[in-house]
Amino acid sequence: MTQPSKSELAILKILWIEAPLSAREIQEKVGPQLDWSFSTTRTTLSRMADKSLLRTDTKHGVRVYTPVDSKAHTLSGVVREFFRTVLEMQGPLPTAAFHDSKMLSEDEWMELDRLLNESDDDDA
């Protein structure tokens, strides 16, 4: 699985809540935060689709974007990569720190816990 960059995560965070959204709608929400022009947002969305982070559809003649993977699935990859490459941790990963996250529902936290603690044979 391709890991999203920090700016791609900002886009995904919006889409996990409000998808599907058009490039213009995404720009209105993340452009000021990231200090991006509309063309930069469109280029990033195109790259994210090429990396299979986003699915594109058409709604009322406008291209709209939706995350391919769930929030928990994407975050499990990011967290697993951090724990393994930065902290050099192997085996079961601590997830209690994420339990009180405002970004994760109880169900999403349980999914994240399950994904982080699957056997290494299940890694994508």
PDB file of N, CA and C in Angstrom:
ATOM      1  N   MET A   1       0.841  -1.183   0.000  1.00  0.00           N
ATOM      2  CA  MET A   1       0.000   0.000   0.000  1.00  0.00           C
ATOM      3  C   MET A   1       0.881   1.240   0.000  1.00  0.00           C
ATOM      4  N   THR A   2       0.547   2.192  -0.852  1.00  0.00           N
ATOM      5  CA  THR A   2       1.262   3.451  -0.910  1.00  0.00           C
ATOM      6  C   THR A   2       0.864   4.320   0.271  1.00  0.00           C
ATOM      7  N   GLN A   3       1.857   4.861   0.969  1.00  0.00           N
ATOM      8  CA  GLN A   3       1.576   5.708   2.124  1.00  0.00           C
ATOM      9  C   GLN A   3       1.324   7.143   1.666  1.00  0.00           C
ATOM     10  N   PRO A   4       0.268   7.765   2.164  1.00  0.00           N
ATOM     11  CA  PRO A   4      -0.001   9.161   1.792  1.00  0.00           C
ATOM     12  C   PRO A   4       0.967  10.116   2.486  1.00  0.00           C
ATOM     13  N   SER A   5       1.265  11.209   1.795  1.00  0.00           N
ATOM     14  CA  SER A   5       2.094  12.270   2.371  1.00  0.00           C
ATOM     15  C   SER A   5       1.242  13.078   3.352  1.00  0.00           C
ATOM     16  N   LYS A   6       1.876  14.006   4.037  1.00  0.00           N
ATOM     17  CA  LYS A   6       1.172  14.855   4.999  1.00  0.00           C
ATOM     18  C   LYS A   6       0.051  15.638   4.313  1.00  0.00           C
ATOM     19  N   SER A   7       0.331  16.214   3.157  1.00  0.00           N
ATOM     20  CA  SER A   7      -0.695  16.982   2.448  1.00  0.00           C
ATOM     21  C   SER A   7      -1.793  16.068   1.903  1.00  0.00           C
ATOM     22  N   GLU A   8      -1.436  14.880   1.470  1.00  0.00           N
ATOM     23  CA  GLU A   8      -2.449  13.922   1.013  1.00  0.00           C
ATOM     24  C   GLU A   8      -3.344  13.493   2.176  1.00  0.00           C
ATOM     25  N   LEU A   9      -2.766  13.351   3.367  1.00  0.00           N
ATOM     26  CA  LEU A   9      -3.568  13.028   4.547  1.00  0.00           C
ATOM     27  C   LEU A   9      -4.556  14.150   4.868  1.00  0.00           C
ATOM     28  N   ALA A  10      -4.169  15.394   4.663  1.00  0.00           N
ATOM     29  CA  ALA A  10      -5.089  16.517   4.891  1.00  0.00           C
ATOM     30  C   ALA A  10      -6.304  16.399   3.971  1.00  0.00           C
ATOM     31  N   ILE A  11      -6.074  16.020   2.742  1.00  0.00           N
ATOM     32  CA  ILE A  11      -7.168  15.827   1.788  1.00  0.00           C
ATOM     33  C   ILE A  11      -8.014  14.626   2.197  1.00  0.00           C
ATOM     34  N   LEU A  12      -7.360  13.535   2.557  1.00  0.00           N
ATOM     35  CA  LEU A  12      -8.103  12.338   2.965  1.00  0.00           C
ATOM     36  C   LEU A  12      -8.972  12.609   4.187  1.00  0.00           C
ATOM     37  N   LYS A  13      -8.465  13.380   5.145  1.00  0.00           N
ATOM     38  CA  LYS A  13      -9.242  13.685   6.347  1.00  0.00           C
ATOM     39  C   LYS A  13     -10.566  14.360   5.978  1.00  0.00           C
ATOM     40  N   ILE A  14     -10.538  15.267   5.035  1.00  0.00           N
ATOM     41  CA  ILE A  14     -11.764  15.934   4.581  1.00  0.00           C
ATOM     42  C   ILE A  14     -12.672  14.931   3.873  1.00  0.00           C
ATOM     43  N   LEU A  15     -12.091  14.122   3.013  1.00  0.00           N
ATOM     44  CA  LEU A  15     -12.897  13.180   2.233  1.00  0.00           C
ATOM     45  C   LEU A  15     -13.495  12.067   3.094  1.00  0.00           C
ATOM     46  N   TRP A  16     -12.821  11.646   4.141  1.00  0.00           N
ATOM     47  CA  TRP A  16     -13.395  10.617   5.017  1.00  0.00           C
ATOM     48  C   TRP A  16     -14.682  11.120   5.660  1.00  0.00           C
ATOM     49  N   ILE A  17     -14.785  12.410   5.837  1.00  0.00           N
ATOM     50  CA  ILE A  17     -15.981  12.999   6.451  1.00  0.00           C
ATOM     51  C   ILE A  17     -17.038  13.347   5.401  1.00  0.00           C
ATOM     52  N   GLU A  18     -16.612  13.908   4.269  1.00  0.00           N
ATOM     53  CA  GLU A  18     -17.565  14.526   3.346  1.00  0.00           C
ATOM     54  C   GLU A  18     -17.600  13.959   1.931  1.00  0.00           C
ATOM     55  N   ALA A  19     -16.901  12.897   1.644  1.00  0.00           N
ATOM     56  CA  ALA A  19     -16.856  12.377   0.272  1.00  0.00           C
ATOM     57  C   ALA A  19     -18.245  11.974  -0.208  1.00  0.00           C
ATOM     58  N   PRO A  20     -18.467  12.074  -1.494  1.00  0.00           N
ATOM     59  CA  PRO A  20     -17.554  12.541  -2.537  1.00  0.00           C
ATOM     60  C   PRO A  20     -17.555  14.068  -2.645  1.00  0.00           C
ATOM     61  N   LEU A  21     -16.397  14.601  -3.027  1.00  0.00           N
ATOM     62  CA  LEU A  21     -16.247  16.036  -3.238  1.00  0.00           C
ATOM     63  C   LEU A  21     -15.530  16.291  -4.557  1.00  0.00           C
ATOM     64  N   SER A  22     -15.834  17.428  -5.169  1.00  0.00           N
ATOM     65  CA  SER A  22     -15.137  17.846  -6.383  1.00  0.00           C
ATOM     66  C   SER A  22     -13.803  18.489  -6.010  1.00  0.00           C
ATOM     67  N   ALA A  23     -12.958  18.687  -6.995  1.00  0.00           N
ATOM     68  CA  ALA A  23     -11.669  19.349  -6.764  1.00  0.00           C
ATOM     69  C   ALA A  23     -11.886  20.757  -6.216  1.00  0.00           C
ATOM     70  N   ARG A  24     -12.879  21.452  -6.722  1.00  0.00           N
ATOM     71  CA  ARG A  24     -13.165  22.818  -6.252  1.00  0.00           C
ATOM     72  C   ARG A  24     -13.583  22.791  -4.777  1.00  0.00           C
ATOM     73  N   GLU A  25     -14.430  21.849  -4.396  1.00  0.00           N
ATOM     74  CA  GLU A  25     -14.859  21.737  -2.993  1.00  0.00           C
ATOM     75  C   GLU A  25     -13.689  21.390  -2.079  1.00  0.00           C
ATOM     76  N   ILE A  26     -12.827  20.506  -2.555  1.00  0.00           N
ATOM     77  CA  ILE A  26     -11.636  20.139  -1.768  1.00  0.00           C
ATOM     78  C   ILE A  26     -10.726  21.347  -1.617  1.00  0.00           C
ATOM     79  N   GLN A  27     -10.544  22.094  -2.696  1.00  0.00           N
ATOM     80  CA  GLN A  27      -9.712  23.302  -2.654  1.00  0.00           C
ATOM     81  C   GLN A  27     -10.253  24.294  -1.629  1.00  0.00           C
ATOM     82  N   GLU A  28     -11.554  24.477  -1.579  1.00  0.00           N
ATOM     83  CA  GLU A  28     -12.147  25.411  -0.622  1.00  0.00           C
ATOM     84  C   GLU A  28     -11.845  25.005   0.821  1.00  0.00           C
ATOM     85  N   LYS A  29     -11.733  23.702   1.066  1.00  0.00           N
ATOM     86  CA  LYS A  29     -11.537  23.204   2.417  1.00  0.00           C
ATOM     87  C   LYS A  29     -10.063  23.103   2.828  1.00  0.00           C
ATOM     88  N   VAL A  30      -9.184  22.695   1.897  1.00  0.00           N
ATOM     89  CA  VAL A  30      -7.775  22.502   2.265  1.00  0.00           C
ATOM     90  C   VAL A  30      -6.827  23.517   1.650  1.00  0.00           C
ATOM     91  N   GLY A  31      -7.260  24.223   0.631  1.00  0.00           N
ATOM     92  CA  GLY A  31      -6.386  25.204  -0.024  1.00  0.00           C
ATOM     93  C   GLY A  31      -5.804  26.215   0.938  1.00  0.00           C
ATOM     94  N   PRO A  32      -6.647  26.872   1.751  1.00  0.00           N
ATOM     95  CA  PRO A  32      -6.100  27.851   2.702  1.00  0.00           C
ATOM     96  C   PRO A  32      -5.179  27.219   3.758  1.00  0.00           C
ATOM     97  N   GLN A  33      -5.546  26.038   4.220  1.00  0.00           N
ATOM     98  CA  GLN A  33      -4.742  25.328   5.229  1.00  0.00           C
ATOM     99  C   GLN A  33      -3.366  24.980   4.684  1.00  0.00           C
ATOM    100  N   LEU A  34      -3.324  24.550   3.426  1.00  0.00           N
ATOM    101  CA  LEU A  34      -2.063  24.125   2.824  1.00  0.00           C
ATOM    102  C   LEU A  34      -1.391  25.240   2.024  1.00  0.00           C
ATOM    103  N   ASP A  35      -2.059  26.380   1.909  1.00  0.00           N
ATOM    104  CA  ASP A  35      -1.556  27.510   1.123  1.00  0.00           C
ATOM    105  C   ASP A  35      -1.294  27.086  -0.319  1.00  0.00           C
ATOM    106  N   TRP A  36      -2.299  26.436  -0.898  1.00  0.00           N
ATOM    107  CA  TRP A  36      -2.203  25.897  -2.258  1.00  0.00           C
ATOM    108  C   TRP A  36      -3.097  26.645  -3.221  1.00  0.00           C
ATOM    109  N   SER A  37      -2.669  26.642  -4.479  1.00  0.00           N
ATOM    110  CA  SER A  37      -3.519  27.121  -5.557  1.00  0.00           C
ATOM    111  C   SER A  37      -4.433  25.974  -6.001  1.00  0.00           C
ATOM    112  N   PHE A  38      -5.449  26.305  -6.768  1.00  0.00           N
ATOM    113  CA  PHE A  38      -6.360  25.286  -7.273  1.00  0.00           C
ATOM    114  C   PHE A  38      -5.622  24.281  -8.158  1.00  0.00           C
ATOM    115  N   SER A  39      -4.682  24.754  -8.953  1.00  0.00           N
ATOM    116  CA  SER A  39      -3.946  23.831  -9.841  1.00  0.00           C
ATOM    117  C   SER A  39      -3.116  22.837  -9.030  1.00  0.00           C
ATOM    118  N   THR A  40      -2.566  23.257  -7.901  1.00  0.00           N
ATOM    119  CA  THR A  40      -1.808  22.341  -7.044  1.00  0.00           C
ATOM    120  C   THR A  40      -2.732  21.284  -6.458  1.00  0.00           C
ATOM    121  N   THR A  41      -3.914  21.696  -6.034  1.00  0.00           N
ATOM    122  CA  THR A  41      -4.893  20.739  -5.511  1.00  0.00           C
ATOM    123  C   THR A  41      -5.279  19.732  -6.586  1.00  0.00           C
ATOM    124  N   ARG A  42      -5.556  20.201  -7.791  1.00  0.00           N
ATOM    125  CA  ARG A  42      -5.922  19.283  -8.887  1.00  0.00           C
ATOM    126  C   ARG A  42      -4.783  18.318  -9.206  1.00  0.00           C
ATOM    127  N   THR A  43      -3.555  18.801  -9.222  1.00  0.00           N
ATOM    128  CA  THR A  43      -2.404  17.936  -9.493  1.00  0.00           C
ATOM    129  C   THR A  43      -2.262  16.887  -8.401  1.00  0.00           C
ATOM    130  N   THR A  44      -2.416  17.299  -7.153  1.00  0.00           N
ATOM    131  CA  THR A  44      -2.312  16.358  -6.030  1.00  0.00           C
ATOM    132  C   THR A  44      -3.411  15.315  -6.100  1.00  0.00           C
ATOM    133  N   LEU A  45      -4.634  15.725  -6.415  1.00  0.00           N
ATOM    134  CA  LEU A  45      -5.742  14.773  -6.544  1.00  0.00           C
ATOM    135  C   LEU A  45      -5.467  13.763  -7.652  1.00  0.00           C
ATOM    136  N   SER A  46      -4.935  14.224  -8.749  1.00  0.00           N
ATOM    137  CA  SER A  46      -4.596  13.324  -9.858  1.00  0.00           C
ATOM    138  C   SER A  46      -3.532  12.315  -9.438  1.00  0.00           C
ATOM    139  N   ARG A  47      -2.518  12.772  -8.738  1.00  0.00           N
ATOM    140  CA  ARG A  47      -1.464  11.869  -8.256  1.00  0.00           C
ATOM    141  C   ARG A  47      -2.009  10.874  -7.238  1.00  0.00           C
ATOM    142  N   MET A  48      -2.910  11.358  -6.381  1.00  0.00           N
ATOM    143  CA  MET A  48      -3.512  10.462  -5.391  1.00  0.00           C
ATOM    144  C   MET A  48      -4.352   9.381  -6.076  1.00  0.00           C
ATOM    145  N   ALA A  49      -5.037   9.734  -7.125  1.00  0.00           N
ATOM    146  CA  ALA A  49      -5.800   8.739  -7.887  1.00  0.00           C
ATOM    147  C   ALA A  49      -4.847   7.749  -8.557  1.00  0.00           C
ATOM    148  N   ASP A  50      -3.742   8.247  -9.107  1.00  0.00           N
ATOM    149  CA  ASP A  50      -2.743   7.371  -9.727  1.00  0.00           C
ATOM    150  C   ASP A  50      -2.134   6.411  -8.710  1.00  0.00           C
ATOM    151  N   LYS A  51      -2.018   6.842  -7.461  1.00  0.00           N
ATOM    152  CA  LYS A  51      -1.457   6.013  -6.382  1.00  0.00           C
ATOM    153  C   LYS A  51      -2.520   5.118  -5.745  1.00  0.00           C
ATOM    154  N   SER A  52      -3.734   5.153  -6.291  1.00  0.00           N
ATOM    155  CA  SER A  52      -4.870   4.368  -5.779  1.00  0.00           C
ATOM    156  C   SER A  52      -5.274   4.758  -4.366  1.00  0.00           C
ATOM    157  N   LEU A  53      -5.050   6.012  -4.009  1.00  0.00           N
ATOM    158  CA  LEU A  53      -5.533   6.522  -2.736  1.00  0.00           C
ATOM    159  C   LEU A  53      -6.967   7.039  -2.878  1.00  0.00           C
ATOM    160  N   LEU A  54      -7.315   7.488  -4.102  1.00  0.00           N
ATOM    161  CA  LEU A  54      -8.640   8.030  -4.380  1.00  0.00           C
ATOM    162  C   LEU A  54      -9.271   7.334  -5.568  1.00  0.00           C
ATOM    163  N   ARG A  55     -10.590   7.269  -5.522  1.00  0.00           N
ATOM    164  CA  ARG A  55     -11.386   6.779  -6.651  1.00  0.00           C
ATOM    165  C   ARG A  55     -12.095   8.004  -7.231  1.00  0.00           C
ATOM    166  N   THR A  56     -12.178   8.077  -8.536  1.00  0.00           N
ATOM    167  CA  THR A  56     -12.879   9.182  -9.178  1.00  0.00           C
ATOM    168  C   THR A  56     -14.180   8.674  -9.777  1.00  0.00           C
ATOM    169  N   ASP A  57     -15.193   9.496  -9.678  1.00  0.00           N
ATOM    170  CA  ASP A  57     -16.499   9.228 -10.272  1.00  0.00           C
ATOM    171  C   ASP A  57     -16.984  10.545 -10.869  1.00  0.00           C
ATOM    172  N   THR A  58     -18.114  10.494 -11.522  1.00  0.00           N
ATOM    173  CA  THR A  58     -18.724  11.703 -12.051  1.00  0.00           C
ATOM    174  C   THR A  58     -20.101  11.864 -11.435  1.00  0.00           C
ATOM    175  N   LYS A  59     -20.352  13.062 -10.934  1.00  0.00           N
ATOM    176  CA  LYS A  59     -21.648  13.373 -10.321  1.00  0.00           C
ATOM    177  C   LYS A  59     -22.135  14.689 -10.920  1.00  0.00           C
ATOM    178  N   HIS A  60     -23.267  14.640 -11.599  1.00  0.00           N
ATOM    179  CA  HIS A  60     -23.829  15.829 -12.255  1.00  0.00           C
ATOM    180  C   HIS A  60     -22.818  16.459 -13.219  1.00  0.00           C
ATOM    181  N   GLY A  61     -22.065  15.627 -13.915  1.00  0.00           N
ATOM    182  CA  GLY A  61     -21.098  16.093 -14.893  1.00  0.00           C
ATOM    183  C   GLY A  61     -19.793  16.620 -14.317  1.00  0.00           C
ATOM    184  N   VAL A  62     -19.601  16.472 -13.015  1.00  0.00           N
ATOM    185  CA  VAL A  62     -18.380  16.959 -12.357  1.00  0.00           C
ATOM    186  C   VAL A  62     -17.637  15.772 -11.773  1.00  0.00           C
ATOM    187  N   ARG A  63     -16.316  15.758 -11.952  1.00  0.00           N
ATOM    188  CA  ARG A  63     -15.489  14.698 -11.357  1.00  0.00           C
ATOM    189  C   ARG A  63     -15.455  14.891  -9.846  1.00  0.00           C
ATOM    190  N   VAL A  64     -15.721  13.802  -9.125  1.00  0.00           N
ATOM    191  CA  VAL A  64     -15.676  13.832  -7.669  1.00  0.00           C
ATOM    192  C   VAL A  64     -14.726  12.745  -7.180  1.00  0.00           C
ATOM    193  N   TYR A  65     -14.237  12.928  -5.963  1.00  0.00           N
ATOM    194  CA  TYR A  65     -13.215  12.057  -5.394  1.00  0.00           C
ATOM    195  C   TYR A  65     -13.710  11.426  -4.098  1.00  0.00           C
ATOM    196  N   THR A  66     -13.344  10.155  -3.917  1.00  0.00           N
ATOM    197  CA  THR A  66     -13.681   9.383  -2.735  1.00  0.00           C
ATOM    198  C   THR A  66     -12.454   8.567  -2.340  1.00  0.00           C
ATOM    199  N   PRO A  67     -12.141   8.450  -1.052  1.00  0.00           N
ATOM    200  CA  PRO A  67     -11.014   7.609  -0.639  1.00  0.00           C
ATOM    201  C   PRO A  67     -11.258   6.147  -1.021  1.00  0.00           C
ATOM    202  N   VAL A  68     -10.222   5.475  -1.455  1.00  0.00           N
ATOM    203  CA  VAL A  68     -10.321   4.052  -1.792  1.00  0.00           C
ATOM    204  C   VAL A  68     -10.424   3.228  -0.513  1.00  0.00           C
ATOM    205  N   ASP A  69      -9.597   3.534   0.462  1.00  0.00           N
ATOM    206  CA  ASP A  69      -9.549   2.754   1.697  1.00  0.00           C
ATOM    207  C   ASP A  69     -10.207   3.497   2.847  1.00  0.00           C
ATOM    208  N   SER A  70     -10.624   2.741   3.840  1.00  0.00           N
ATOM    209  CA  SER A  70     -11.199   3.330   5.041  1.00  0.00           C
ATOM    210  C   SER A  70     -10.143   4.134   5.793  1.00  0.00           C
ATOM    211  N   LYS A  71     -10.613   4.981   6.676  1.00  0.00           N
ATOM    212  CA  LYS A  71      -9.715   5.773   7.518  1.00  0.00           C
ATOM    213  C   LYS A  71      -8.789   4.855   8.319  1.00  0.00           C
ATOM    214  N   ALA A  72      -9.364   3.839   8.959  1.00  0.00           N
ATOM    215  CA  ALA A  72      -8.561   2.935   9.788  1.00  0.00           C
ATOM    216  C   ALA A  72      -7.527   2.184   8.957  1.00  0.00           C
ATOM    217  N   HIS A  73      -7.901   1.749   7.766  1.00  0.00           N
ATOM    218  CA  HIS A  73      -6.956   1.011   6.913  1.00  0.00           C
ATOM    219  C   HIS A  73      -5.776   1.902   6.516  1.00  0.00           C
ATOM    220  N   THR A  74      -6.077   3.117   6.100  1.00  0.00           N
ATOM    221  CA  THR A  74      -5.013   4.045   5.705  1.00  0.00           C
ATOM    222  C   THR A  74      -4.122   4.391   6.891  1.00  0.00           C
ATOM    223  N   LEU A  75      -4.750   4.718   8.020  1.00  0.00           N
ATOM    224  CA  LEU A  75      -3.967   5.093   9.204  1.00  0.00           C
ATOM    225  C   LEU A  75      -3.134   3.930   9.726  1.00  0.00           C
ATOM    226  N   SER A  76      -3.636   2.715   9.590  1.00  0.00           N
ATOM    227  CA  SER A  76      -2.849   1.567  10.049  1.00  0.00           C
ATOM    228  C   SER A  76      -1.538   1.469   9.268  1.00  0.00           C
ATOM    229  N   GLY A  77      -1.583   1.745   7.982  1.00  0.00           N
ATOM    230  CA  GLY A  77      -0.354   1.734   7.189  1.00  0.00           C
ATOM    231  C   GLY A  77       0.616   2.812   7.616  1.00  0.00           C
ATOM    232  N   VAL A  78       0.093   4.018   7.860  1.00  0.00           N
ATOM    233  CA  VAL A  78       0.935   5.137   8.285  1.00  0.00           C
ATOM    234  C   VAL A  78       1.564   4.837   9.648  1.00  0.00           C
ATOM    235  N   VAL A  79       0.741   4.383  10.577  1.00  0.00           N
ATOM    236  CA  VAL A  79       1.227   4.104  11.934  1.00  0.00           C
ATOM    237  C   VAL A  79       2.215   2.948  11.932  1.00  0.00           C
ATOM    238  N   ARG A  80       1.882   1.888  11.209  1.00  0.00           N
ATOM    239  CA  ARG A  80       2.768   0.723  11.137  1.00  0.00           C
ATOM    240  C   ARG A  80       4.130   1.119  10.555  1.00  0.00           C
ATOM    241  N   GLU A  81       4.106   1.924   9.503  1.00  0.00           N
ATOM    242  CA  GLU A  81       5.357   2.384   8.883  1.00  0.00           C
ATOM    243  C   GLU A  81       6.186   3.186   9.886  1.00  0.00           C
ATOM    244  N   PHE A  82       5.546   4.084  10.631  1.00  0.00           N
ATOM    245  CA  PHE A  82       6.246   4.880  11.634  1.00  0.00           C
ATOM    246  C   PHE A  82       6.856   3.999  12.720  1.00  0.00           C
ATOM    247  N   PHE A  83       6.055   3.099  13.276  1.00  0.00           N
ATOM    248  CA  PHE A  83       6.561   2.235  14.344  1.00  0.00           C
ATOM    249  C   PHE A  83       7.723   1.365  13.863  1.00  0.00           C
ATOM    250  N   ARG A  84       7.632   0.857  12.660  1.00  0.00           N
ATOM    251  CA  ARG A  84       8.673  -0.057  12.170  1.00  0.00           C
ATOM    252  C   ARG A  84       9.920   0.667  11.710  1.00  0.00           C
ATOM    253  N   THR A  85       9.778   1.776  10.987  1.00  0.00           N
ATOM    254  CA  THR A  85      10.964   2.428  10.421  1.00  0.00           C
ATOM    255  C   THR A  85      11.590   3.449  11.351  1.00  0.00           C
ATOM    256  N   VAL A  86      10.789   4.169  12.120  1.00  0.00           N
ATOM    257  CA  VAL A  86      11.332   5.203  12.999  1.00  0.00           C
ATOM    258  C   VAL A  86      11.663   4.630  14.373  1.00  0.00           C
ATOM    259  N   LEU A  87      10.708   3.918  14.961  1.00  0.00           N
ATOM    260  CA  LEU A  87      10.918   3.386  16.310  1.00  0.00           C
ATOM    261  C   LEU A  87      11.503   1.975  16.324  1.00  0.00           C
ATOM    262  N   GLU A  88      11.596   1.348  15.144  1.00  0.00           N
ATOM    263  CA  GLU A  88      12.146  -0.005  14.992  1.00  0.00           C
ATOM    264  C   GLU A  88      11.442  -1.011  15.898  1.00  0.00           C
ATOM    265  N   MET A  89      10.110  -0.912  15.933  1.00  0.00           N
ATOM    266  CA  MET A  89       9.299  -1.837  16.732  1.00  0.00           C
ATOM    267  C   MET A  89       8.724  -2.919  15.832  1.00  0.00           C
ATOM    268  N   GLN A  90       8.732  -4.143  16.314  1.00  0.00           N
ATOM    269  CA  GLN A  90       8.146  -5.282  15.614  1.00  0.00           C
ATOM    270  C   GLN A  90       7.071  -5.884  16.512  1.00  0.00           C
ATOM    271  N   GLY A  91       6.236  -6.724  15.949  1.00  0.00           N
ATOM    272  CA  GLY A  91       5.223  -7.406  16.743  1.00  0.00           C
ATOM    273  C   GLY A  91       4.008  -6.540  16.991  1.00  0.00           C
ATOM    274  N   PRO A  92       3.204  -6.912  17.995  1.00  0.00           N
ATOM    275  CA  PRO A  92       1.983  -6.166  18.294  1.00  0.00           C
ATOM    276  C   PRO A  92       2.302  -4.694  18.578  1.00  0.00           C
ATOM    277  N   LEU A  93       1.446  -3.825  18.086  1.00  0.00           N
ATOM    278  CA  LEU A  93       1.686  -2.391  18.231  1.00  0.00           C
ATOM    279  C   LEU A  93       0.693  -1.773  19.211  1.00  0.00           C
ATOM    280  N   PRO A  94       1.156  -0.849  20.026  1.00  0.00           N
ATOM    281  CA  PRO A  94       0.271  -0.221  21.011  1.00  0.00           C
ATOM    282  C   PRO A  94      -0.733   0.706  20.330  1.00  0.00           C
ATOM    283  N   THR A  95      -2.003   0.514  20.609  1.00  0.00           N
ATOM    284  CA  THR A  95      -3.024   1.361  20.002  1.00  0.00           C
ATOM    285  C   THR A  95      -3.832   2.142  21.028  1.00  0.00           C
ATOM    286  N   ALA A  96      -3.587   1.925  22.293  1.00  0.00           N
ATOM    287  CA  ALA A  96      -4.348   2.626  23.325  1.00  0.00           C
ATOM    288  C   ALA A  96      -4.221   4.141  23.188  1.00  0.00           C
ATOM    289  N   ALA A  97      -3.101   4.636  22.704  1.00  0.00           N
ATOM    290  CA  ALA A  97      -2.891   6.072  22.553  1.00  0.00           C
ATOM    291  C   ALA A  97      -3.883   6.696  21.575  1.00  0.00           C
ATOM    292  N   PHE A  98      -4.450   5.897  20.677  1.00  0.00           N
ATOM    293  CA  PHE A  98      -5.378   6.408  19.674  1.00  0.00           C
ATOM    294  C   PHE A  98      -6.829   6.333  20.131  1.00  0.00           C
ATOM    295  N   HIS A  99      -7.080   5.708  21.258  1.00  0.00           N
ATOM    296  CA  HIS A  99      -8.450   5.461  21.697  1.00  0.00           C
ATOM    297  C   HIS A  99      -9.249   6.745  21.896  1.00  0.00           C
ATOM    298  N   ASP A 100      -8.635   7.797  22.387  1.00  0.00           N
ATOM    299  CA  ASP A 100      -9.350   9.045  22.643  1.00  0.00           C
ATOM    300  C   ASP A 100      -9.253  10.043  21.486  1.00  0.00           C
ATOM    301  N   SER A 101      -8.819   9.588  20.334  1.00  0.00           N
ATOM    302  CA  SER A 101      -8.708  10.469  19.175  1.00  0.00           C
ATOM    303  C   SER A 101     -10.075  10.999  18.759  1.00  0.00           C
ATOM    304  N   LYS A 102     -10.139  12.293  18.494  1.00  0.00           N
ATOM    305  CA  LYS A 102     -11.378  12.899  17.996  1.00  0.00           C
ATOM    306  C   LYS A 102     -11.629  12.506  16.544  1.00  0.00           C
ATOM    307  N   MET A 103     -10.618  11.981  15.901  1.00  0.00           N
ATOM    308  CA  MET A 103     -10.719  11.615  14.493  1.00  0.00           C
ATOM    309  C   MET A 103     -11.297  10.224  14.288  1.00  0.00           C
ATOM    310  N   LEU A 104     -11.256   9.378  15.324  1.00  0.00           N
ATOM    311  CA  LEU A 104     -11.685   7.994  15.185  1.00  0.00           C
ATOM    312  C   LEU A 104     -12.911   7.701  16.043  1.00  0.00           C
ATOM    313  N   SER A 105     -13.903   7.075  15.432  1.00  0.00           N
ATOM    314  CA  SER A 105     -15.032   6.578  16.208  1.00  0.00           C
ATOM    315  C   SER A 105     -14.575   5.318  16.942  1.00  0.00           C
ATOM    316  N   GLU A 106     -15.379   4.840  17.842  1.00  0.00           N
ATOM    317  CA  GLU A 106     -15.050   3.602  18.562  1.00  0.00           C
ATOM    318  C   GLU A 106     -14.856   2.451  17.581  1.00  0.00           C
ATOM    319  N   ASP A 107     -15.729   2.334  16.594  1.00  0.00           N
ATOM    320  CA  ASP A 107     -15.607   1.265  15.593  1.00  0.00           C
ATOM    321  C   ASP A 107     -14.329   1.411  14.774  1.00  0.00           C
ATOM    322  N   GLU A 108     -13.989   2.646  14.401  1.00  0.00           N
ATOM    323  CA  GLU A 108     -12.761   2.877  13.633  1.00  0.00           C
ATOM    324  C   GLU A 108     -11.534   2.557  14.476  1.00  0.00           C
ATOM    325  N   TRP A 109     -11.565   2.909  15.754  1.00  0.00           N
ATOM    326  CA  TRP A 109     -10.441   2.577  16.630  1.00  0.00           C
ATOM    327  C   TRP A 109     -10.279   1.066  16.734  1.00  0.00           C
ATOM    328  N   MET A 110     -11.383   0.338  16.874  1.00  0.00           N
ATOM    329  CA  MET A 110     -11.303  -1.123  16.968  1.00  0.00           C
ATOM    330  C   MET A 110     -10.770  -1.716  15.665  1.00  0.00           C
ATOM    331  N   GLU A 111     -11.176  -1.144  14.522  1.00  0.00           N
ATOM    332  CA  GLU A 111     -10.651  -1.611  13.237  1.00  0.00           C
ATOM    333  C   GLU A 111      -9.158  -1.315  13.137  1.00  0.00           C
ATOM    334  N   LEU A 112      -8.745  -0.135  13.567  1.00  0.00           N
ATOM    335  CA  LEU A 112      -7.318   0.221  13.554  1.00  0.00           C
ATOM    336  C   LEU A 112      -6.526  -0.742  14.436  1.00  0.00           C
ATOM    337  N   ASP A 113      -7.032  -1.030  15.614  1.00  0.00           N
ATOM    338  CA  ASP A 113      -6.364  -1.968  16.522  1.00  0.00           C
ATOM    339  C   ASP A 113      -6.214  -3.332  15.860  1.00  0.00           C
ATOM    340  N   ARG A 114      -7.276  -3.808  15.239  1.00  0.00           N
ATOM    341  CA  ARG A 114      -7.233  -5.111  14.556  1.00  0.00           C
ATOM    342  C   ARG A 114      -6.214  -5.092  13.419  1.00  0.00           C
ATOM    343  N   LEU A 115      -6.234  -4.026  12.605  1.00  0.00           N
ATOM    344  CA  LEU A 115      -5.315  -3.946  11.464  1.00  0.00           C
ATOM    345  C   LEU A 115      -3.859  -3.843  11.903  1.00  0.00           C
ATOM    346  N   LEU A 116      -3.603  -3.093  12.958  1.00  0.00           N
ATOM    347  CA  LEU A 116      -2.222  -2.936  13.422  1.00  0.00           C
ATOM    348  C   LEU A 116      -1.670  -4.205  14.041  1.00  0.00           C
ATOM    349  N   ASN A 117      -2.525  -5.050  14.517  1.00  0.00           N
ATOM    350  CA  ASN A 117      -2.055  -6.217  15.221  1.00  0.00           C
ATOM    351  C   ASN A 117      -2.317  -7.526  14.489  1.00  0.00           C
ATOM    352  N   GLU A 118      -2.621  -7.425  13.181  1.00  0.00           N
ATOM    353  CA  GLU A 118      -2.669  -8.619  12.350  1.00  0.00           C
ATOM    354  C   GLU A 118      -1.257  -9.167  12.229  1.00  0.00           C
ATOM    355  N   SER A 119      -1.149 -10.408  11.857  1.00  0.00           N
ATOM    356  CA  SER A 119       0.179 -10.991  11.680  1.00  0.00           C
ATOM    357  C   SER A 119       0.899 -10.310  10.526  1.00  0.00           C
ATOM    358  N   ASP A 120       2.209 -10.325  10.559  1.00  0.00           N
ATOM    359  CA  ASP A 120       3.010  -9.722   9.484  1.00  0.00           C
ATOM    360  C   ASP A 120       2.731 -10.351   8.132  1.00  0.00           C
ATOM    361  N   ASP A 121       2.249 -11.581   8.104  1.00  0.00           N
ATOM    362  CA  ASP A 121       1.927 -12.251   6.854  1.00  0.00           C
ATOM    363  C   ASP A 121       0.798 -11.540   6.122  1.00  0.00           C
ATOM    364  N   ASP A 122      -0.006 -10.758   6.857  1.00  0.00           N
ATOM    365  CA  ASP A 122      -1.141 -10.071   6.261  1.00  0.00           C
ATOM    366  C   ASP A 122      -0.789  -8.694   5.738  1.00  0.00           C
ATOM    367  N   ASP A 123       0.446  -8.223   5.935  1.00  0.00           N
ATOM    368  CA  ASP A 123       0.826  -6.885   5.477  1.00  0.00           C
ATOM    369  C   ASP A 123       0.667  -6.773   3.970  1.00  0.00           C
ATOM    370  N   ALA A 124       0.227  -5.592   3.536  1.00  0.00           N
ATOM    371  CA  ALA A 124       0.078  -5.345   2.100  1.00  0.00           C
ATOM    372  C   ALA A 124       1.238  -4.516   1.603  1.00  0.00           C
TER     373      ALA A 124
END
